[in-house]
C-alpha atoms as a PDB file:
ATOM      1  CA  GLY A   1     135.970  89.999 143.871  1.00  0.00           C
ATOM      2  CA  VAL A   2     136.027  86.357 143.727  1.00  0.00           C
ATOM      3  CA  ARG A   3     134.560  84.743 140.524  1.00  0.00           C
ATOM      4  CA  LYS A   4     131.716  82.230 141.334  1.00  0.00           C
ATOM      5  CA  TYR A   5     130.051  79.619 139.125  1.00  0.00           C
ATOM      6  CA  SER A   6     127.356  77.204 140.149  1.00  0.00           C
ATOM      7  CA  ASN A   7     125.491  74.679 137.901  1.00  0.00           C
ATOM      8  CA  ALA A   8     127.845  75.564 135.093  1.00  0.00           C
ATOM      9  CA  TYR A   9     129.246  73.335 132.578  1.00  0.00           C
ATOM     10  CA  PHE A  10     132.615  74.206 130.720  1.00  0.00           C
ATOM     11  CA  ILE A  11     134.506  72.338 127.954  1.00  0.00           C
ATOM     12  CA  GLN A  12     137.959  73.407 127.264  1.00  0.00           C
ATOM     13  CA  THR A  13     138.479  73.764 123.542  1.00  0.00           C
ATOM     14  CA  ALA A  14     142.286  74.661 123.259  1.00  0.00           C
ATOM     15  CA  ASP A  15     145.416  74.951 125.255  1.00  0.00           C
ATOM     16  CA  ILE A  16     145.556  77.754 127.817  1.00  0.00           C
ATOM     17  CA  ASP A  17     148.764  79.560 128.621  1.00  0.00           C
ATOM     18  CA  LEU A  18     148.253  81.559 131.861  1.00  0.00           C
ATOM     19  CA  GLY A  19     152.027  82.661 131.822  1.00  0.00           C
ATOM     20  CA  VAL A  20     151.048  86.102 130.172  1.00  0.00           C
ATOM     21  CA  ALA A  21     149.701  89.319 131.633  1.00  0.00           C
ATOM     22  CA  PRO A  22     147.787  90.150 133.663  1.00  0.00           C
ATOM     23  CA  TRP A  23     147.592  86.171 134.736  1.00  0.00           C
ATOM     24  CA  ASN A  24     151.282  86.160 135.757  1.00  0.00           C
ATOM     25  CA  GLN A  25     151.569  89.558 137.465  1.00  0.00           C
ATOM     26  CA  ASP A  26     151.419  90.509 140.997  1.00  0.00           C
ATOM     27  CA  GLU A  27     148.983  88.053 142.662  1.00  0.00           C
ATOM     28  CA  GLY A  28     148.359  86.276 139.465  1.00  0.00           C
ATOM     29  CA  TRP A  29     145.514  84.086 138.834  1.00  0.00           C
ATOM     30  CA  GLN A  30     142.279  84.751 140.969  1.00  0.00           C
ATOM     31  CA  PRO A  31     140.875  81.424 142.063  1.00  0.00           C
ATOM     32  CA  ILE A  32     137.381  80.399 140.918  1.00  0.00           C
ATOM     33  CA  HIS A  33     134.715  79.292 143.421  1.00  0.00           C
ATOM     34  CA  PHE A  34     133.093  76.557 141.410  1.00  0.00           C
ATOM     35  CA  GLY A  35     130.012  74.331 141.581  1.00  0.00           C
ATOM     36  CA  GLY A  36     129.570  72.507 138.420  1.00  0.00           C
ATOM     37  CA  GLN A  37     131.384  70.567 135.678  1.00  0.00           C
ATOM     38  CA  TYR A  38     134.711  71.243 133.936  1.00  0.00           C
ATOM     39  CA  ASN A  39     136.073  69.023 131.197  1.00  0.00           C
ATOM     40  CA  GLY A  40     139.561  69.726 130.124  1.00  0.00           C
ATOM     41  CA  ASN A  41     139.035  67.649 127.107  1.00  0.00           C
ATOM     42  CA  GLY A  42     142.545  66.628 126.937  1.00  0.00           C
ATOM     43  CA  TYR A  43     144.037  70.171 126.509  1.00  0.00           C
ATOM     44  CA  THR A  44     146.490  71.772 128.642  1.00  0.00           C
ATOM     45  CA  ILE A  45     146.463  74.821 131.065  1.00  0.00           C
ATOM     46  CA  SER A  46     150.040  75.894 131.506  1.00  0.00           C
ATOM     47  CA  ASN A  47     151.975  78.293 133.623  1.00  0.00           C
ATOM     48  CA  LEU A  48     149.356  78.753 136.391  1.00  0.00           C
ATOM     49  CA  THR A  49     150.888  81.449 138.707  1.00  0.00           C
ATOM     50  CA  ILE A  50     149.229  82.262 142.121  1.00  0.00           C
ATOM     51  CA  ASN A  51     150.854  84.449 144.705  1.00  0.00           C
ATOM     52  CA  ARG A  52     148.185  84.860 147.326  1.00  0.00           C
ATOM     53  CA  SER A  53     149.973  83.625 150.572  1.00  0.00           C
ATOM     54  CA  GLY A  54     147.282  85.373 152.778  1.00  0.00           C
ATOM     55  CA  ASN A  55     144.308  83.677 151.066  1.00  0.00           C
ATOM     56  CA  SER A  56     142.876  80.361 151.882  1.00  0.00           C
ATOM     57  CA  ASN A  57     141.145  78.082 149.321  1.00  0.00           C
ATOM     58  CA  THR A  58     143.740  78.782 146.744  1.00  0.00           C
ATOM     59  CA  GLY A  59     144.244  76.889 143.300  1.00  0.00           C
ATOM     60  CA  LEU A  60     142.887  77.050 139.963  1.00  0.00           C
ATOM     61  CA  PHE A  61     139.696  76.321 141.548  1.00  0.00           C
ATOM     62  CA  GLY A  62     139.529  77.917 144.961  1.00  0.00           C
ATOM     63  CA  TYR A  63     136.441  76.499 146.658  1.00  0.00           C
ATOM     64  CA  CYS A  64     134.445  73.752 145.118  1.00  0.00           C
ATOM     65  CA  SER A  65     130.952  72.355 146.047  1.00  0.00           C
ATOM     66  CA  GLY A  66     127.613  71.676 144.443  1.00  0.00           C
ATOM     67  CA  GLU A  67     125.086  69.243 143.650  1.00  0.00           C
ATOM     68  CA  VAL A  68     127.017  68.201 140.560  1.00  0.00           C
ATOM     69  CA  LEU A  69     130.377  68.801 140.922  1.00  0.00           C
ATOM     70  CA  ASN A  70     132.998  67.101 138.272  1.00  0.00           C
ATOM     71  CA  LEU A  71     136.488  68.083 137.212  1.00  0.00           C
ATOM     72  CA  LYS A  72     137.954  65.570 134.491  1.00  0.00           C
ATOM     73  CA  ASN A  73     140.477  65.259 132.026  1.00  0.00           C
ATOM     74  CA  ILE A  74     142.304  68.481 133.144  1.00  0.00           C
ATOM     75  CA  THR A  75     146.101  68.832 132.684  1.00  0.00           C
ATOM     76  CA  ILE A  76     147.916  71.600 134.418  1.00  0.00           C
ATOM     77  CA  THR A  77     151.767  72.066 133.737  1.00  0.00           C
ATOM     78  CA  ASN A  78     154.341  74.163 135.250  1.00  0.00           C
ATOM     79  CA  ALA A  79     152.340  75.505 137.903  1.00  0.00           C
ATOM     80  CA  ASN A  80     153.405  77.813 140.738  1.00  0.00           C
ATOM     81  CA  VAL A  81     150.801  78.272 143.587  1.00  0.00           C
ATOM     82  CA  ASN A  82     151.304  80.127 146.768  1.00  0.00           C
ATOM     83  CA  GLY A  83     148.350  80.254 149.250  1.00  0.00           C
ATOM     84  CA  SER A  84     147.523  79.928 152.981  1.00  0.00           C
ATOM     85  CA  SER A  85     145.538  76.891 154.184  1.00  0.00           C
ATOM     86  CA  TYR A  86     143.712  74.812 151.598  1.00  0.00           C
ATOM     87  CA  THR A  87     145.965  75.230 148.761  1.00  0.00           C
ATOM     88  CA  GLY A  88     146.553  72.979 145.731  1.00  0.00           C
ATOM     89  CA  ILE A  89     147.210  73.326 142.157  1.00  0.00           C
ATOM     90  CA  LEU A  90     143.815  72.223 140.823  1.00  0.00           C
ATOM     91  CA  ALA A  91     141.732  73.185 143.904  1.00  0.00           C
ATOM     92  CA  GLY A  92     142.180  74.365 147.304  1.00  0.00           C
ATOM     93  CA  TYR A  93     139.118  73.048 148.972  1.00  0.00           C
ATOM     94  CA  ILE A  94     136.387  70.643 147.692  1.00  0.00           C
ATOM     95  CA  HIS A  95     133.218  69.460 149.489  1.00  0.00           C
ATOM     96  CA  ALA A  96     131.894  67.085 147.061  1.00  0.00           C
ATOM     97  CA  SER A  97     128.611  65.670 148.473  1.00  0.00           C
ATOM     98  CA  ASN A  98     129.517  62.010 148.035  1.00  0.00           C
ATOM     99  CA  GLN A  99     130.255  61.901 144.384  1.00  0.00           C
ATOM    100  CA  GLU A 100     133.146  61.179 142.056  1.00  0.00           C
ATOM    101  CA  VAL A 101     134.438  64.615 141.422  1.00  0.00           C
ATOM    102  CA  ILE A 102     138.103  64.354 140.018  1.00  0.00           C
ATOM    103  CA  THR A 103     138.782  61.937 137.250  1.00  0.00           C
ATOM    104  CA  SER A 104     141.699  61.773 134.822  1.00  0.00           C
ATOM    105  CA  CYS A 105     143.382  64.937 135.931  1.00  0.00           C
ATOM    106  CA  THR A 106     147.260  65.638 135.838  1.00  0.00           C
ATOM    107  CA  VAL A 107     149.124  68.324 137.482  1.00  0.00           C
ATOM    108  CA  ASP A 108     152.845  69.294 137.802  1.00  0.00           C
ATOM    109  CA  GLY A 109     154.490  72.226 139.473  1.00  0.00           C
ATOM    110  CA  THR A 110     155.088  73.713 143.051  1.00  0.00           C
ATOM    111  CA  VAL A 111     152.740  74.436 145.765  1.00  0.00           C
ATOM    112  CA  THR A 112     153.755  76.474 148.738  1.00  0.00           C
ATOM    113  CA  SER A 113     152.174  77.766 152.025  1.00  0.00           C
ATOM    114  CA  SER A 114     153.160  78.648 155.489  1.00  0.00           C
ATOM    115  CA  MET A 115     150.049  76.853 156.853  1.00  0.00           C
ATOM    116  CA  ASN A 116     148.188  73.480 156.469  1.00  0.00           C
ATOM    117  CA  ARG A 117     146.207  71.359 154.201  1.00  0.00           C
ATOM    118  CA  VAL A 118     148.418  71.760 151.086  1.00  0.00           C
ATOM    119  CA  GLY A 119     148.376  69.018 148.272  1.00  0.00           C
ATOM    120  CA  GLY A 120     149.502  68.747 144.753  1.00  0.00           C
ATOM    121  CA  ILE A 121     146.112  68.254 143.266  1.00  0.00           C
ATOM    122  CA  VAL A 122     143.888  69.402 146.223  1.00  0.00           C
ATOM    123  CA  GLY A 123     144.504  71.056 149.656  1.00  0.00           C
ATOM    124  CA  TYR A 124     141.501  69.579 151.460  1.00  0.00           C
ATOM    125  CA  PHE A 125     139.060  66.876 149.992  1.00  0.00           C
ATOM    126  CA  ARG A 126     135.809  66.135 151.756  1.00  0.00           C
ATOM    127  CA  ASP A 127     132.813  63.551 150.915  1.00  0.00           C
ATOM    128  CA  GLY A 128     133.864  62.407 147.450  1.00  0.00           C
ATOM    129  CA  SER A 129     136.375  60.577 145.118  1.00  0.00           C
ATOM    130  CA  ILE A 130     139.279  61.240 143.083  1.00  0.00           C
ATOM    131  CA  SER A 131     140.317  58.512 140.345  1.00  0.00           C
ATOM    132  CA  LYS A 132     142.937  57.972 137.631  1.00  0.00           C
ATOM    133  CA  SER A 133     144.920  61.157 138.446  1.00  0.00           C
ATOM    134  CA  SER A 134     148.379  62.118 139.047  1.00  0.00           C
ATOM    135  CA  ALA A 135     150.752  64.824 140.513  1.00  0.00           C
ATOM    136  CA  GLN A 136     154.357  65.438 139.979  1.00  0.00           C
ATOM    137  CA  VAL A 137     154.991  68.052 142.452  1.00  0.00           C
ATOM    138  CA  THR A 138     156.926  69.752 145.057  1.00  0.00           C
ATOM    139  CA  VAL A 139     154.843  70.633 148.245  1.00  0.00           C
ATOM    140  CA  ASN A 140     156.116  73.080 150.813  1.00  0.00           C
ATOM    141  CA  GLY A 141     154.041  73.936 153.940  1.00  0.00           C
ATOM    142  CA  ASP A 142     153.541  73.409 157.753  1.00  0.00           C
ATOM    143  CA  SER A 143     151.443  70.283 158.081  1.00  0.00           C
ATOM    144  CA  TYR A 144     149.001  67.852 156.640  1.00  0.00           C
ATOM    145  CA  LEU A 145     150.908  67.853 153.144  1.00  0.00           C
ATOM    146  CA  GLY A 146     150.479  65.412 150.307  1.00  0.00           C
ATOM    147  CA  GLY A 147     151.604  64.776 146.778  1.00  0.00           C
ATOM    148  CA  ALA A 148     148.057  64.236 145.680  1.00  0.00           C
ATOM    149  CA  VAL A 149     145.866  65.645 148.602  1.00  0.00           C
ATOM    150  CA  GLY A 150     146.938  67.336 151.851  1.00  0.00           C
ATOM    151  CA  ALA A 151     143.993  66.179 153.934  1.00  0.00           C
ATOM    152  CA  LEU A 152     140.955  63.984 153.348  1.00  0.00           C
ATOM    153  CA  TYR A 153     137.754  63.575 155.416  1.00  0.00           C
ATOM    154  CA  ASN A 154     135.424  60.811 154.338  1.00  0.00           C
ATOM    155  CA  ALA A 155     136.836  60.630 150.818  1.00  0.00           C
ATOM    156  CA  SER A 156     138.669  58.133 148.675  1.00  0.00           C
ATOM    157  CA  ILE A 157     141.647  58.076 146.155  1.00  0.00           C
ATOM    158  CA  THR A 158     141.711  55.178 143.598  1.00  0.00           C
ATOM    159  CA  GLU A 159     144.311  54.641 140.703  1.00  0.00           C
ATOM    160  CA  CYS A 160     146.143  57.759 141.652  1.00  0.00           C
ATOM    161  CA  TYR A 161     149.817  58.456 142.221  1.00  0.00           C
ATOM    162  CA  SER A 162     152.207  61.237 142.831  1.00  0.00           C
ATOM    163  CA  THR A 163     155.661  61.681 142.533  1.00  0.00           C
ATOM    164  CA  ALA A 164     156.476  64.433 145.084  1.00  0.00           C
ATOM    165  CA  THR A 165     158.999  66.316 147.225  1.00  0.00           C
ATOM    166  CA  ILE A 166     157.263  67.193 150.470  1.00  0.00           C
ATOM    167  CA  ASN A 167     158.815  69.653 152.932  1.00  0.00           C
ATOM    168  CA  GLY A 168     156.824  70.070 156.305  1.00  0.00           C
ATOM    169  CA  ASN A 169     155.222  68.041 159.047  1.00  0.00           C
ATOM    170  CA  PHE A 170     152.445  65.210 158.925  1.00  0.00           C
ATOM    171  CA  VAL A 171     153.125  64.640 155.238  1.00  0.00           C
ATOM    172  CA  GLY A 172     151.973  61.687 152.766  1.00  0.00           C
ATOM    173  CA  GLY A 173     152.432  60.754 149.205  1.00  0.00           C
END
């Protein structure tokens, strides 16, 4: 089943390589449903592999919401994420309850979906803010695609950038 964490606080204490069995085989990484705080602490998560083309809410974190939700200082390199709607490298879907959620995060890799709301950092972001983050990605999908975020609702992005190749309809940087 899906791993779920709420009201949790994690701090990364070393680099993590997900390019080893079982994390890089078959469907790869199982996205985490998350509602807490994760501090990457300047360490790297490399070789994230997800092959779940039939699954929505796909990314390192699949679906994120909660009273206190904060993802900061996370670096993800060489990611290859394949999902359905709401797909991104860091997170598929974030409902943030009007708080700053993503700060100082960096992703690079490829995100692929045959559906919509697909982004380099986040597929769909609602009611919060992203700051000081970046994406160096290739994004492939149907519609509502972005280098940083596929689709936003009542959310803001400040001091962020993406270097992206985007293939699909209704696209943005």
